Amino acid sequence: MDLTTLLQRFQQGDRRALARAITWVENGTPEAGELIRSTYPSTGRAHVVGITGPPGAGKSTLVDRLASRYRELGQSVAIVAVDPTSPFSGGAILGDRIRMQRTLNDPGVFMRSLASRGHLGGISIATGDVVGLLDAFGFDVILVETVGAGQSEVEIMELAHTTTVVLIPGMGDDIQAIKAGILEIGDLFAVNKADRDGADRSVMEIEMMLDLGHMGEAGINRWDGEAQANSGAARRLDRTGHHGTADLASGNPYTSSASARHAADRHGTANPGDISWRPPVLKTTAKDGQGVDALVDRMIEHLNFLKETGRWEQFKRHDAAAKLRELITLRAARTVMDRATAAGDLDRLTASVADRTVDPYTAAEEVLSRHLGT
């Protein structure tokens, strides 16, 4: 199938064309660039929901239930499941498909597994472009399940409008499961397998961490029991700030603090009186479907929050800037490496670094000074 035919069939809603397009993008074929260029104007409409958390938290089963609930609400759903890479074939270990039998036969659901291929951060390099294709294809909701890696899966925050962190009780040190960035990226928290002992304790500890981080007024978004607020708007919005925003506001947007500032902007602001989001903490039991309806309700409320406060448009601008930085960095690095290799500088300096006659920092500076922008 050539590019012209594929684009025609893609625009006609042919799922085989969509599957082929995703394969091209994942494999980095020459046609992938033109494919993304042609479909990009149709993107920016789907609600991208990230599902992340440690291994064994029940993310795949929960995603399956979430997809079913969105279908009941009349939404079309695409699922992107990032799986660990096989050390032998380099492909994805398709464990997620085993746990998603409920929705795989639904014509309103499309599911694709992607291999992480050693990429850190919980997603693969191609995930963003694949999500773009699914968005352009016309899906209403795109559920992205990350690799179960634990504390380092923060890249999903850059991709998803709504990030749900899935945890389970009985992990030993529950605070360990939500430190090192995981707490900051969560727009919602789901304590899954809540039929186990310790679920209430896990919810309490997450709430305490949110309180310590000043993520909204304590209790305003506790969805169970007497603490529940009377109206959806009151539950969704409060008028306190997100922790750390004032310190992040003066940072350089092209430094590593950009992600931290983006996390703060997602939830709120330190300015008194401005509206912010208090991440809710819910209990779910995915295998029985318990708590799933409430979780989807909170996801929809977060989407409304983003649009009501202008953060939906802010996210688009942030996403555009991040994508530009990524492409510029990749292409600049490729150009420098190609030029240094052709000139023989890379082999020469590699030998010098290996012999310890030149340190790697000096060697890198020499390559950049000779070949960057020349």
Protein backbone atom coordinates (compact mmCIF):
# COMPACT_ATOMS: atom_id res chain seq x y z
CA MET A 1 0.00 0.00 0.00
CA ASP A 2 1.48 3.35 -1.04
CA LEU A 3 1.20 6.57 0.96
CA THR A 4 -1.52 8.14 -1.18
CA THR A 5 -3.76 5.07 -0.96
CA LEU A 6 -3.17 4.73 2.75
CA LEU A 7 -4.09 8.37 3.41
CA GLN A 8 -7.28 8.02 1.36
CA ARG A 9 -8.33 4.91 3.25
CA PHE A 10 -7.30 6.49 6.56
CA GLN A 11 -9.55 9.48 5.92
CA GLN A 12 -12.39 7.10 5.03
CA GLY A 13 -12.16 5.46 8.45
CA ASP A 14 -10.47 2.23 7.34
CA ARG A 15 -8.98 0.62 10.45
CA ARG A 16 -6.58 -1.49 8.43
CA ALA A 17 -5.13 1.73 7.07
CA LEU A 18 -4.89 3.05 10.64
CA ALA A 19 -3.06 -0.09 11.75
CA ARG A 20 -0.64 0.18 8.82
CA ALA A 21 -0.06 3.86 9.56
CA ILE A 22 0.81 3.07 13.18
CA THR A 23 3.24 0.40 12.04
CA TRP A 24 4.96 2.89 9.73
CA VAL A 25 5.30 5.42 12.54
CA GLU A 26 6.51 2.86 15.08
CA ASN A 27 9.12 1.50 12.66
CA GLY A 28 10.23 4.97 11.53
CA THR A 29 9.72 4.27 7.83
CA PRO A 30 10.43 7.03 5.27
CA GLU A 31 6.69 7.52 4.72
CA ALA A 32 6.03 8.18 8.42
CA GLY A 33 7.05 11.84 8.30
CA GLU A 34 4.70 12.71 5.45
CA LEU A 35 1.95 10.67 7.07
CA ILE A 36 2.22 12.70 10.28
CA ARG A 37 2.35 15.97 8.34
CA SER A 38 -0.80 15.09 6.41
CA THR A 39 -2.84 14.04 9.45
CA TYR A 40 -1.62 16.69 11.91
CA PRO A 41 -4.26 19.35 11.05
CA SER A 42 -6.97 16.92 12.22
CA THR A 43 -5.46 16.44 15.69
CA GLY A 44 -6.09 18.23 18.98
CA ARG A 45 -9.65 17.07 19.67
CA ALA A 46 -9.41 13.76 21.58
CA HIS A 47 -9.21 13.50 25.37
CA VAL A 48 -5.93 11.70 26.09
CA VAL A 49 -6.00 9.84 29.42
CA GLY A 50 -2.80 8.35 30.85
CA ILE A 51 -2.93 5.30 33.13
CA THR A 52 0.30 4.72 35.03
CA GLY A 53 1.51 2.94 38.14
CA PRO A 54 3.62 0.05 39.41
CA PRO A 55 3.53 -3.50 38.01
CA GLY A 56 0.67 -5.63 39.27
CA ALA A 57 -1.58 -2.67 40.05
CA GLY A 58 -4.24 -3.95 37.64
CA LYS A 59 -3.81 -1.20 35.05
CA SER A 60 -4.79 -3.34 32.06
CA THR A 61 -7.95 -4.66 33.69
CA LEU A 62 -8.84 -1.13 34.78
CA VAL A 63 -8.27 0.23 31.26
CA ASP A 64 -10.57 -2.48 29.91
CA ARG A 65 -13.30 -1.41 32.35
CA LEU A 66 -12.74 2.28 31.61
CA ALA A 67 -13.13 1.65 27.89
CA SER A 68 -16.40 -0.20 28.52
CA ARG A 69 -17.72 2.69 30.60
CA TYR A 70 -16.79 5.28 27.98
CA ARG A 71 -18.56 3.15 25.37
CA GLU A 72 -21.69 3.14 27.53
CA LEU A 73 -21.49 6.94 27.41
CA GLY A 74 -21.36 6.85 23.61
CA GLN A 75 -17.66 7.66 23.24
CA SER A 76 -15.34 5.94 20.79
CA VAL A 77 -12.16 4.71 22.48
CA ALA A 78 -8.61 3.93 21.39
CA ILE A 79 -6.25 2.09 23.72
CA VAL A 80 -2.46 2.37 23.47
CA ALA A 81 -0.77 -0.20 25.71
CA VAL A 82 2.99 0.25 26.04
CA ASP A 83 4.48 -3.13 26.85
CA PRO A 84 7.97 -4.18 27.92
CA THR A 85 10.26 -5.04 25.05
CA SER A 86 11.25 -8.63 24.44
CA PRO A 87 15.05 -9.02 24.84
CA PHE A 88 15.00 -11.56 21.99
CA SER A 89 12.67 -10.25 19.29
CA GLY A 90 12.53 -6.58 20.23
CA GLY A 91 8.74 -6.68 20.07
CA ALA A 92 6.10 -6.03 22.71
CA ILE A 93 5.13 -8.75 25.15
CA LEU A 94 1.37 -8.63 24.56
CA GLY A 95 0.21 -9.32 28.10
CA ASP A 96 -2.26 -6.45 28.01
CA ARG A 97 -4.41 -8.09 25.34
CA ILE A 98 -5.06 -11.05 27.63
CA ARG A 99 -6.65 -8.72 30.20
CA MET A 100 -8.67 -6.65 27.74
CA GLN A 101 -10.97 -9.27 26.28
CA ARG A 102 -14.08 -7.34 27.31
CA THR A 103 -13.62 -4.56 24.77
CA LEU A 104 -11.47 -6.08 22.00
CA ASN A 105 -14.56 -7.20 20.04
CA ASP A 106 -16.33 -3.85 20.42
CA PRO A 107 -16.34 -2.02 17.05
CA GLY A 108 -16.12 1.27 18.94
CA VAL A 109 -12.79 0.32 20.53
CA PHE A 110 -9.38 0.13 18.87
CA MET A 111 -6.44 -1.35 20.75
CA ARG A 112 -2.75 -1.27 19.87
CA SER A 113 0.29 -2.50 21.79
CA LEU A 114 3.59 -0.68 21.42
CA ALA A 115 7.02 -1.94 22.44
CA SER A 116 8.90 0.34 24.83
CA ARG A 117 12.14 -0.68 23.05
CA GLY A 118 14.22 0.27 26.04
CA HIS A 119 12.88 3.81 26.27
CA LEU A 120 12.61 5.03 29.86
CA GLY A 121 9.71 7.01 31.27
CA GLY A 122 6.96 4.43 30.80
CA ILE A 123 6.16 5.10 27.15
CA SER A 124 7.89 4.50 23.82
CA ILE A 125 9.42 7.11 21.53
CA ALA A 126 6.61 6.58 19.00
CA THR A 127 3.75 6.87 21.51
CA GLY A 128 3.11 10.58 20.93
CA ASP A 129 2.91 10.21 17.15
CA VAL A 130 0.68 7.14 17.48
CA VAL A 131 -1.67 9.09 19.75
CA GLY A 132 -1.71 11.82 17.10
CA LEU A 133 -2.79 9.32 14.44
CA LEU A 134 -5.58 8.01 16.67
CA ASP A 135 -6.69 11.58 17.38
CA ALA A 136 -6.74 12.41 13.67
CA PHE A 137 -8.68 9.20 12.99
CA GLY A 138 -11.49 10.60 15.14
CA PHE A 139 -11.48 8.73 18.45
CA ASP A 140 -13.11 10.64 21.29
CA VAL A 141 -10.98 9.18 24.10
CA ILE A 142 -7.47 7.74 23.93
CA LEU A 143 -6.37 5.65 26.91
CA VAL A 144 -2.57 5.29 27.18
CA GLU A 145 -1.34 2.60 29.57
CA THR A 146 2.32 2.90 30.48
CA VAL A 147 4.83 0.20 31.28
CA GLY A 148 4.64 -0.77 34.95
CA ALA A 149 7.92 0.75 36.05
CA GLY A 150 7.07 2.41 39.35
CA GLN A 151 8.61 5.78 40.19
CA SER A 152 9.97 7.01 36.85
CA GLU A 153 6.89 7.05 34.64
CA VAL A 154 6.60 10.82 34.44
CA GLU A 155 6.72 11.27 30.65
CA ILE A 156 3.05 10.37 30.40
CA MET A 157 2.30 13.77 31.96
CA GLU A 158 3.68 15.45 28.83
CA LEU A 159 1.38 13.42 26.60
CA ALA A 160 -1.89 12.98 28.51
CA HIS A 161 -4.43 15.66 29.38
CA THR A 162 -5.52 13.61 32.40
CA THR A 163 -3.04 11.36 34.21
CA THR A 164 -4.38 8.67 36.54
CA VAL A 165 -1.93 7.02 38.93
CA VAL A 166 -3.04 3.49 39.86
CA LEU A 167 -1.81 2.05 43.17
CA ILE A 168 -2.74 -0.98 45.24
CA PRO A 169 -2.86 -1.61 49.00
CA GLY A 170 -0.43 -3.91 50.71
CA MET A 171 2.70 -2.78 48.86
CA GLY A 172 4.65 -2.42 52.08
CA ASP A 173 5.75 1.19 52.17
CA ASP A 174 2.86 2.92 50.43
CA ILE A 175 4.60 6.29 50.48
CA GLN A 176 7.46 4.73 48.50
CA ALA A 177 5.04 4.05 45.66
CA ILE A 178 4.10 7.70 45.18
CA LYS A 179 7.35 9.58 45.69
CA ALA A 180 9.89 10.87 43.15
CA GLY A 181 7.50 12.63 40.82
CA ILE A 182 4.56 10.23 40.76
CA LEU A 183 2.58 12.34 43.22
CA GLU A 184 3.07 15.49 41.18
CA ILE A 185 1.93 14.03 37.88
CA GLY A 186 -1.34 12.56 39.14
CA ASP A 187 -4.55 14.36 38.21
CA LEU A 188 -6.42 11.44 39.77
CA PHE A 189 -5.40 8.58 42.03
CA ALA A 190 -7.04 5.15 41.95
CA VAL A 191 -6.37 2.70 44.76
CA ASN A 192 -7.21 -0.45 42.82
CA LYS A 193 -7.90 -3.91 44.24
CA ALA A 194 -9.68 -2.07 47.03
CA ASP A 195 -11.24 -5.30 48.25
CA ARG A 196 -7.88 -6.06 49.87
CA ASP A 197 -6.99 -5.10 53.40
CA GLY A 198 -5.28 -1.75 53.71
CA ALA A 199 -7.18 0.09 50.98
CA ASP A 200 -8.50 2.75 53.35
CA ARG A 201 -5.03 3.24 54.78
CA SER A 202 -3.60 3.74 51.28
CA VAL A 203 -6.26 6.33 50.47
CA MET A 204 -5.52 8.14 53.73
CA GLU A 205 -1.77 8.22 53.08
CA ILE A 206 -2.20 9.60 49.57
CA GLU A 207 -4.58 12.24 50.89
CA MET A 208 -2.01 13.16 53.54
CA MET A 209 0.67 13.54 50.88
CA LEU A 210 -1.64 15.77 48.85
CA ASP A 211 -2.33 17.84 51.96
CA LEU A 212 1.38 18.22 52.64
CA GLY A 213 1.83 19.36 49.07
CA HIS A 214 -1.01 21.91 49.45
CA MET A 215 -2.83 20.44 46.45
CA GLY A 216 -6.09 22.19 47.18
CA GLU A 217 -8.18 22.38 50.31
CA ALA A 218 -8.04 19.22 52.41
CA GLY A 219 -11.06 17.03 51.86
CA ILE A 220 -12.66 19.04 49.10
CA ASN A 221 -12.26 16.25 46.59
CA ARG A 222 -12.76 13.25 48.82
CA TRP A 223 -15.46 11.45 46.96
CA ASP A 224 -16.60 8.90 49.54
CA GLY A 225 -18.61 9.30 52.70
CA GLU A 226 -19.41 12.44 54.63
CA ALA A 227 -16.58 14.49 53.14
CA GLN A 228 -18.22 14.51 49.71
CA ALA A 229 -19.15 18.00 48.54
CA ASN A 230 -22.68 18.78 47.44
CA SER A 231 -22.07 19.80 43.83
CA GLY A 232 -19.81 18.60 41.06
CA ALA A 233 -18.36 22.08 40.60
CA ALA A 234 -17.49 22.32 44.29
CA ARG A 235 -15.83 18.92 44.17
CA ARG A 236 -13.91 19.73 41.03
CA LEU A 237 -12.66 23.20 41.79
CA ASP A 238 -11.23 24.91 44.81
CA ARG A 239 -9.58 28.28 45.31
CA THR A 240 -6.24 27.33 46.74
CA GLY A 241 -2.97 26.70 44.98
CA HIS A 242 -0.80 23.84 43.84
CA HIS A 243 2.46 23.40 45.70
CA GLY A 244 5.63 24.85 44.29
CA THR A 245 4.08 26.99 41.56
CA ALA A 246 5.47 30.27 42.83
CA ASP A 247 8.99 28.85 42.85
CA LEU A 248 8.59 27.43 39.36
CA ALA A 249 7.09 30.50 37.74
CA SER A 250 10.43 32.19 37.09
CA GLY A 251 12.15 29.13 35.64
CA ASN A 252 13.55 28.82 32.13
CA PRO A 253 11.00 26.93 29.97
CA TYR A 254 13.81 25.15 28.15
CA THR A 255 15.33 23.56 31.26
CA SER A 256 14.40 20.36 33.04
CA SER A 257 12.14 22.39 35.37
CA ALA A 258 9.69 22.80 32.49
CA SER A 259 8.06 19.47 33.30
CA ALA A 260 7.71 20.39 36.95
CA ARG A 261 6.20 23.74 36.03
CA HIS A 262 3.86 21.99 33.61
CA ALA A 263 2.70 19.71 36.44
CA ALA A 264 1.95 22.75 38.56
CA ASP A 265 0.10 24.50 35.75
CA ARG A 266 -2.10 21.44 35.23
CA HIS A 267 -3.48 21.62 38.76
CA GLY A 268 -3.53 25.27 39.65
CA THR A 269 -1.68 28.36 40.67
CA ALA A 270 -0.30 29.93 43.80
CA ASN A 271 -2.21 33.16 43.18
CA PRO A 272 -4.97 33.55 45.81
CA GLY A 273 -8.46 33.29 44.38
CA ASP A 274 -7.44 31.46 41.22
CA ILE A 275 -9.08 28.14 40.47
CA SER A 276 -7.10 24.94 40.93
CA TRP A 277 -7.69 21.20 40.80
CA ARG A 278 -7.58 18.98 43.86
CA PRO A 279 -6.59 15.47 42.66
CA PRO A 280 -9.28 13.06 43.89
CA VAL A 281 -8.38 9.71 45.43
CA LEU A 282 -10.80 6.89 44.63
CA LYS A 283 -11.07 3.21 45.47
CA THR A 284 -11.63 0.79 42.59
CA THR A 285 -11.83 -2.96 42.12
CA ALA A 286 -11.35 -3.34 38.40
CA LYS A 287 -12.08 -7.06 38.19
CA ASP A 288 -15.61 -6.41 39.50
CA GLY A 289 -16.03 -2.96 37.95
CA GLN A 290 -16.45 -1.31 41.34
CA GLY A 291 -15.60 2.39 41.39
CA VAL A 292 -15.01 2.56 37.63
CA ASP A 293 -18.06 4.72 36.90
CA ALA A 294 -16.95 7.23 39.54
CA LEU A 295 -13.43 7.25 38.11
CA VAL A 296 -14.71 8.03 34.61
CA ASP A 297 -16.89 10.79 36.07
CA ARG A 298 -13.80 12.35 37.64
CA MET A 299 -11.90 12.07 34.35
CA ILE A 300 -14.69 13.91 32.57
CA GLU A 301 -14.75 16.51 35.33
CA HIS A 302 -11.01 17.04 34.91
CA LEU A 303 -11.50 17.51 31.17
CA ASN A 304 -14.18 20.12 31.91
CA PHE A 305 -11.82 21.79 34.40
CA LEU A 306 -9.11 22.06 31.75
CA LYS A 307 -11.49 23.64 29.28
CA GLU A 308 -13.23 25.92 31.79
CA THR A 309 -9.95 27.39 33.06
CA GLY A 310 -8.17 27.73 29.71
CA ARG A 311 -5.66 25.00 30.52
CA TRP A 312 -6.79 22.94 27.52
CA GLU A 313 -5.33 25.59 25.20
CA GLN A 314 -2.28 25.96 27.45
CA PHE A 315 -1.69 22.24 27.15
CA LYS A 316 -1.77 22.50 23.35
CA ARG A 317 0.88 25.23 23.41
CA HIS A 318 3.04 23.29 25.86
CA ASP A 319 2.69 20.14 23.76
CA ALA A 320 3.69 22.03 20.61
CA ALA A 321 6.76 23.51 22.31
CA ALA A 322 7.78 20.12 23.73
CA LYS A 323 7.42 18.43 20.34
CA LEU A 324 9.48 21.13 18.63
CA ARG A 325 12.25 20.80 21.24
CA GLU A 326 12.23 17.02 20.85
CA LEU A 327 12.49 17.12 17.05
CA ILE A 328 15.12 19.86 17.01
CA THR A 329 17.21 17.98 19.57
CA LEU A 330 16.96 14.67 17.71
CA ARG A 331 17.74 16.15 14.30
CA ALA A 332 20.59 18.32 15.60
CA ALA A 333 22.14 15.30 17.33
CA ARG A 334 21.77 13.18 14.20
CA THR A 335 23.34 15.89 12.04
CA VAL A 336 26.31 16.35 14.37
CA MET A 337 26.90 12.61 14.64
CA ASP A 338 26.72 12.10 10.87
CA ARG A 339 29.17 14.94 10.22
CA ALA A 340 31.57 13.82 12.94
CA THR A 341 31.49 10.24 11.63
CA ALA A 342 32.10 11.30 8.03
CA ALA A 343 35.06 13.49 9.08
CA GLY A 344 36.59 10.70 11.14
CA ASP A 345 36.39 12.77 14.32
CA LEU A 346 34.08 10.37 16.11
CA ASP A 347 36.40 7.35 15.76
CA ARG A 348 39.45 9.43 16.65
CA LEU A 349 37.94 10.95 19.75
CA THR A 350 36.36 7.64 20.81
CA ALA A 351 39.84 6.06 20.79
CA SER A 352 41.25 8.99 22.77
CA VAL A 353 38.50 8.75 25.37
CA ALA A 354 38.99 4.99 25.66
CA ASP A 355 42.76 5.52 26.15
CA ARG A 356 42.03 8.15 28.81
CA THR A 357 44.08 10.76 26.94
CA VAL A 358 40.97 12.90 26.47
CA ASP A 359 37.98 13.11 28.80
CA PRO A 360 34.48 12.64 27.31
CA TYR A 361 33.40 16.21 28.08
CA THR A 362 36.31 17.73 26.17
CA ALA A 363 35.72 15.32 23.29
CA ALA A 364 32.03 16.22 23.11
CA GLU A 365 32.83 19.94 23.14
CA GLU A 366 35.26 19.45 20.26
CA VAL A 367 32.66 17.60 18.18
CA LEU A 368 30.03 20.25 18.84
CA SER A 369 32.34 23.17 18.12
CA ARG A 370 33.46 21.62 14.82
CA HIS A 371 30.20 20.28 13.46
CA LEU A 372 27.26 22.12 15.00
CA GLY A 373 26.04 24.78 12.63
CA THR A 374 28.97 24.45 10.22
